[in-house]
Amino acid sequence: MKYCLYERDAATERPPDDSVDIRRLFDEATECRLFSQRVLRFRPGRSRERLVTASDEVLFVLEGTGTVAAGGNEQPVARGAGVFVAAGTRWAVEADQELVPLSVLVHEPESARAQAAVVDTAEDAGRAATAGRQFRLGVGPEVGCASVTQFVGIIPPGRAPDHFHTYDEVIYVLDGTGTLHIGGETAPLEPTAAVHLPARVVHSLENTGAGDMLILGVFRPAGSPAEAYYPDGTPAVAPEAS
């Protein structure tokens, strides 16, 4: 299925003279032109200094602890941290143990209002979305990243009604099991599955497990994850709830 792939099927790249392994998920090769979604695995120690001149980089720490040095500052990070690095900003990682962030490169970004920022998504109190779902915000315009919004979605058991968004989104499953329904097809979802949802494509994520399913989303243009529409164009969530 072109909308869903699995990290286990991605080849591992090991750049020379660096401490990171890279697994590429969605990007231009898979018809995702706005983003490049990758899993980075930093081995313990100091990484090579990194620089992306044409794209913002938005990361989320999946595993491990360490420090991110970016924009002249060093900040500790652990599981659940969101990290923003603006295009043209040099950065590096000091990993205490293996440090695994999910990276999303944001191509042709809007002008950033900060060089870098770190956000603890666990500090967000949570907000309501479609069909009893909630989300916690990470990196976004509030910390200087004008192009995208990053969030952790909390999906209770069950299936949301079919709907679409006006934004383009890449998703990574953090915990739980479920099914993606899209374009008359289905795909199983489990931790490390990745999903690309182009704008206005009707879909539904179903949680088939007994507990919450957690997903990490990054979408553009930036806004509220609660913005969703039923196939007939009716808003799925009242504006005051988003």
Protein backbone atom coordinates (compact mmCIF):
# COMPACT_ATOMS: atom_id res chain seq x y z
CA MET A 1 0.00 0.00 0.00
CA LYS A 2 1.42 3.40 -0.97
CA TYR A 3 0.06 5.12 2.16
CA CYS A 4 1.67 2.77 4.73
CA LEU A 5 5.10 1.21 5.15
CA TYR A 6 7.11 -0.39 7.91
CA GLU A 7 10.45 0.58 9.38
CA ARG A 8 11.58 -3.05 9.37
CA ASP A 9 11.42 -3.06 5.56
CA ALA A 10 13.68 0.01 5.16
CA ALA A 11 17.36 -0.49 4.40
CA THR A 12 19.84 0.84 6.97
CA GLU A 13 22.35 3.44 5.79
CA ARG A 14 25.53 4.16 7.76
CA PRO A 15 27.24 7.38 6.62
CA PRO A 16 31.03 7.27 6.89
CA ASP A 17 32.71 8.98 9.85
CA ASP A 18 29.47 9.40 11.77
CA SER A 19 27.74 7.73 14.72
CA VAL A 20 24.29 7.42 13.16
CA ASP A 21 22.33 4.78 11.24
CA ILE A 22 19.50 6.04 9.02
CA ARG A 23 16.32 4.29 7.92
CA ARG A 24 14.35 6.22 5.30
CA LEU A 25 10.55 6.04 5.44
CA PHE A 26 8.37 8.43 3.41
CA ASP A 27 10.02 10.89 1.02
CA GLU A 28 9.91 11.92 -2.63
CA ALA A 29 10.66 8.35 -3.73
CA THR A 30 7.33 7.31 -2.16
CA GLU A 31 5.40 10.32 -3.53
CA CYS A 32 5.74 12.33 -0.30
CA ARG A 33 7.18 15.58 -1.64
CA LEU A 34 6.72 17.91 1.32
CA PHE A 35 8.58 15.75 3.84
CA SER A 36 11.40 13.25 4.29
CA GLN A 37 10.60 10.98 7.26
CA ARG A 38 13.50 8.99 8.73
CA VAL A 39 14.50 7.07 11.85
CA LEU A 40 17.96 8.06 13.13
CA ARG A 41 19.87 5.79 15.52
CA PHE A 42 22.78 7.57 17.20
CA ARG A 43 25.34 5.36 18.88
CA PRO A 44 26.72 6.48 22.28
CA GLY A 45 29.05 9.46 22.12
CA ARG A 46 29.24 12.66 20.11
CA SER A 47 27.85 12.70 16.58
CA ARG A 48 29.30 14.54 13.65
CA GLU A 49 27.98 18.08 13.32
CA ARG A 50 24.92 18.11 11.09
CA LEU A 51 23.64 20.80 8.72
CA VAL A 52 20.62 20.87 6.41
CA THR A 53 20.60 24.12 4.48
CA ALA A 54 17.27 23.93 2.61
CA SER A 55 14.91 22.15 5.05
CA ASP A 56 13.75 22.54 8.63
CA GLU A 57 14.16 19.41 10.76
CA VAL A 58 11.58 18.32 13.33
CA LEU A 59 12.50 15.38 15.58
CA PHE A 60 10.86 13.30 18.30
CA VAL A 61 12.89 11.13 20.68
CA LEU A 62 11.62 7.56 20.55
CA GLU A 63 14.26 6.00 22.82
CA GLY A 64 17.33 6.92 24.85
CA THR A 65 18.75 10.01 26.53
CA GLY A 66 21.35 12.56 25.59
CA THR A 67 21.96 16.18 24.69
CA VAL A 68 21.17 18.15 21.54
CA ALA A 69 23.49 21.06 20.73
CA ALA A 70 21.86 23.49 18.29
CA GLY A 71 21.77 27.23 17.77
CA GLY A 72 24.44 27.83 20.39
CA ASN A 73 22.59 25.99 23.15
CA GLU A 74 22.77 22.47 24.60
CA GLN A 75 19.62 20.89 26.00
CA PRO A 76 19.02 17.43 27.49
CA VAL A 77 16.51 15.20 25.70
CA ALA A 78 14.75 11.94 26.52
CA ARG A 79 11.83 9.89 25.24
CA GLY A 80 8.93 12.20 24.35
CA ALA A 81 11.04 15.27 23.56
CA GLY A 82 10.26 17.19 20.40
CA VAL A 83 13.18 19.02 18.79
CA PHE A 84 13.12 21.77 16.17
CA VAL A 85 16.19 22.73 14.11
CA ALA A 86 15.72 25.50 11.54
CA ALA A 87 17.19 25.24 8.06
CA GLY A 88 20.82 26.35 8.04
CA THR A 89 21.39 25.67 11.76
CA ARG A 90 24.26 23.39 12.73
CA TRP A 91 23.48 20.77 15.34
CA ALA A 92 24.91 17.65 16.95
CA VAL A 93 23.92 14.91 19.40
CA GLU A 94 25.73 13.64 22.48
CA ALA A 95 24.10 10.28 23.22
CA ASP A 96 24.37 8.76 26.71
CA GLN A 97 23.19 5.45 25.23
CA GLU A 98 21.64 4.68 21.88
CA LEU A 99 19.46 7.72 21.10
CA VAL A 100 16.70 7.16 18.55
CA PRO A 101 14.76 10.14 17.19
CA LEU A 102 12.22 10.13 14.38
CA SER A 103 13.26 12.92 12.01
CA VAL A 104 11.01 14.76 9.56
CA LEU A 105 12.72 17.09 7.10
CA VAL A 106 10.35 19.88 6.06
CA HIS A 107 11.21 20.94 2.53
CA GLU A 108 10.85 24.54 1.34
CA PRO A 109 9.91 25.73 4.83
CA GLU A 110 8.40 29.01 5.91
CA SER A 111 10.81 31.45 7.55
CA ALA A 112 11.53 30.16 11.05
CA ARG A 113 11.30 32.46 14.05
CA ALA A 114 13.94 30.57 16.05
CA GLN A 115 17.08 28.58 15.29
CA ALA A 116 16.20 25.65 17.53
CA ALA A 117 13.90 24.56 20.34
CA VAL A 118 13.17 21.54 22.55
CA VAL A 119 9.63 20.71 23.74
CA ASP A 120 8.52 18.06 26.26
CA THR A 121 5.27 16.74 24.80
CA ALA A 122 4.31 15.23 28.16
CA GLU A 123 3.91 18.75 29.57
CA ASP A 124 0.93 19.48 27.30
CA ALA A 125 -2.36 18.87 29.13
CA GLY A 126 -4.07 17.32 26.10
CA ARG A 127 -6.87 18.56 23.87
CA ALA A 128 -9.93 17.02 22.22
CA ALA A 129 -10.08 15.78 18.63
CA THR A 130 -12.40 13.60 16.52
CA ALA A 131 -14.36 10.66 18.04
CA GLY A 132 -13.14 11.02 21.62
CA ARG A 133 -9.50 11.24 20.64
CA GLN A 134 -6.96 13.54 22.24
CA PHE A 135 -3.64 15.05 21.29
CA ARG A 136 -0.63 16.67 22.93
CA LEU A 137 1.26 19.34 21.02
CA GLY A 138 5.00 19.29 20.41
CA VAL A 139 7.00 21.47 18.01
CA GLY A 140 5.01 24.15 16.18
CA PRO A 141 4.67 27.89 15.58
CA GLU A 142 4.67 28.53 19.36
CA VAL A 143 8.39 27.65 19.50
CA GLY A 144 9.37 29.30 16.20
CA CYS A 145 8.63 26.53 13.68
CA ALA A 146 6.28 28.26 11.25
CA SER A 147 5.83 25.42 8.75
CA VAL A 148 4.44 22.44 10.67
CA THR A 149 2.72 21.20 13.80
CA GLN A 150 4.01 18.10 15.61
CA PHE A 151 1.71 16.21 17.97
CA VAL A 152 1.20 12.96 19.86
CA GLY A 153 -2.27 11.55 19.14
CA ILE A 154 -4.05 9.37 21.70
CA ILE A 155 -6.57 7.05 20.03
CA PRO A 156 -8.94 4.98 22.22
CA PRO A 157 -10.22 1.58 21.06
CA GLY A 158 -12.59 1.80 18.12
CA ARG A 159 -12.78 3.37 14.68
CA ALA A 160 -13.31 7.02 13.89
CA PRO A 161 -15.73 7.94 11.09
CA ASP A 162 -14.16 8.39 7.66
CA HIS A 163 -12.79 11.93 7.33
CA PHE A 164 -10.12 14.05 5.67
CA HIS A 165 -7.78 16.91 6.57
CA THR A 166 -6.78 19.96 4.57
CA TYR A 167 -3.17 19.46 5.63
CA ASP A 168 -0.53 16.96 4.43
CA GLU A 169 0.62 14.63 7.22
CA VAL A 170 3.14 11.93 8.06
CA ILE A 171 2.45 9.61 11.01
CA TYR A 172 4.51 7.12 13.00
CA VAL A 173 2.89 4.56 15.33
CA LEU A 174 4.41 4.76 18.82
CA ASP A 175 2.30 2.20 20.69
CA GLY A 176 -0.70 -0.05 20.19
CA THR A 177 -2.21 -1.87 17.23
CA GLY A 178 -4.78 -0.88 14.66
CA THR A 179 -5.86 -0.67 11.04
CA LEU A 180 -5.55 2.06 8.45
CA HIS A 181 -8.62 2.36 6.21
CA ILE A 182 -7.96 4.40 3.07
CA GLY A 183 -8.94 4.33 -0.60
CA GLY A 184 -10.93 1.11 -0.21
CA GLU A 185 -7.86 -0.67 1.21
CA THR A 186 -6.69 -1.57 4.70
CA ALA A 187 -3.25 -1.97 6.27
CA PRO A 188 -2.34 -3.26 9.75
CA LEU A 189 -0.74 -0.76 12.10
CA GLU A 190 1.74 -1.58 14.86
CA PRO A 191 4.66 0.22 16.50
CA THR A 192 7.19 1.52 13.90
CA ALA A 193 4.59 1.61 11.10
CA ALA A 194 4.61 4.85 9.09
CA VAL A 195 1.68 6.46 7.28
CA HIS A 196 1.47 9.28 4.74
CA LEU A 197 -1.89 11.09 4.50
CA PRO A 198 -1.99 13.56 1.59
CA ALA A 199 -4.34 16.50 2.04
CA ARG A 200 -8.03 15.75 1.39
CA VAL A 201 -7.60 11.97 1.15
CA VAL A 202 -10.47 10.31 3.04
CA HIS A 203 -9.27 7.83 5.66
CA SER A 204 -9.83 6.41 9.12
CA LEU A 205 -7.48 5.05 11.78
CA GLU A 206 -8.97 2.22 13.82
CA ASN A 207 -7.57 1.11 17.17
CA THR A 208 -8.09 -2.65 17.34
CA GLY A 209 -6.35 -3.10 20.70
CA ALA A 210 -7.63 -3.05 24.26
CA GLY A 211 -5.76 0.12 25.28
CA ASP A 212 -4.89 3.46 23.72
CA MET A 213 -2.94 3.62 20.49
CA LEU A 214 -0.33 6.40 20.38
CA ILE A 215 0.79 8.03 17.15
CA LEU A 216 3.22 10.79 16.31
CA GLY A 217 2.04 13.19 13.61
CA VAL A 218 3.70 16.06 11.73
CA PHE A 219 1.58 18.10 9.33
CA ARG A 220 1.66 21.24 7.20
CA PRO A 221 0.44 23.87 7.04
CA ALA A 222 0.63 24.25 10.80
CA GLY A 223 -2.62 24.36 12.76
CA SER A 224 -4.79 22.21 14.98
CA PRO A 225 -4.73 18.38 14.73
CA ALA A 226 -8.45 18.54 15.52
CA GLU A 227 -9.25 20.13 12.15
CA ALA A 228 -11.02 17.35 10.22
CA TYR A 229 -13.92 17.05 7.80
CA TYR A 230 -16.37 14.30 6.90
CA PRO A 231 -16.43 13.23 3.23
CA ASP A 232 -19.28 15.69 2.53
CA GLY A 233 -17.15 18.58 3.84
CA THR A 234 -18.94 18.94 7.20
CA PRO A 235 -16.52 19.78 10.05
CA ALA A 236 -15.93 16.71 12.22
CA VAL A 237 -15.15 18.80 15.31
CA ALA A 238 -16.87 22.05 16.26
CA PRO A 239 -14.48 25.02 15.88
CA GLU A 240 -14.61 25.84 19.61
CA ALA A 241 -13.33 22.28 20.41
CA SER A 242 -10.22 22.61 18.28
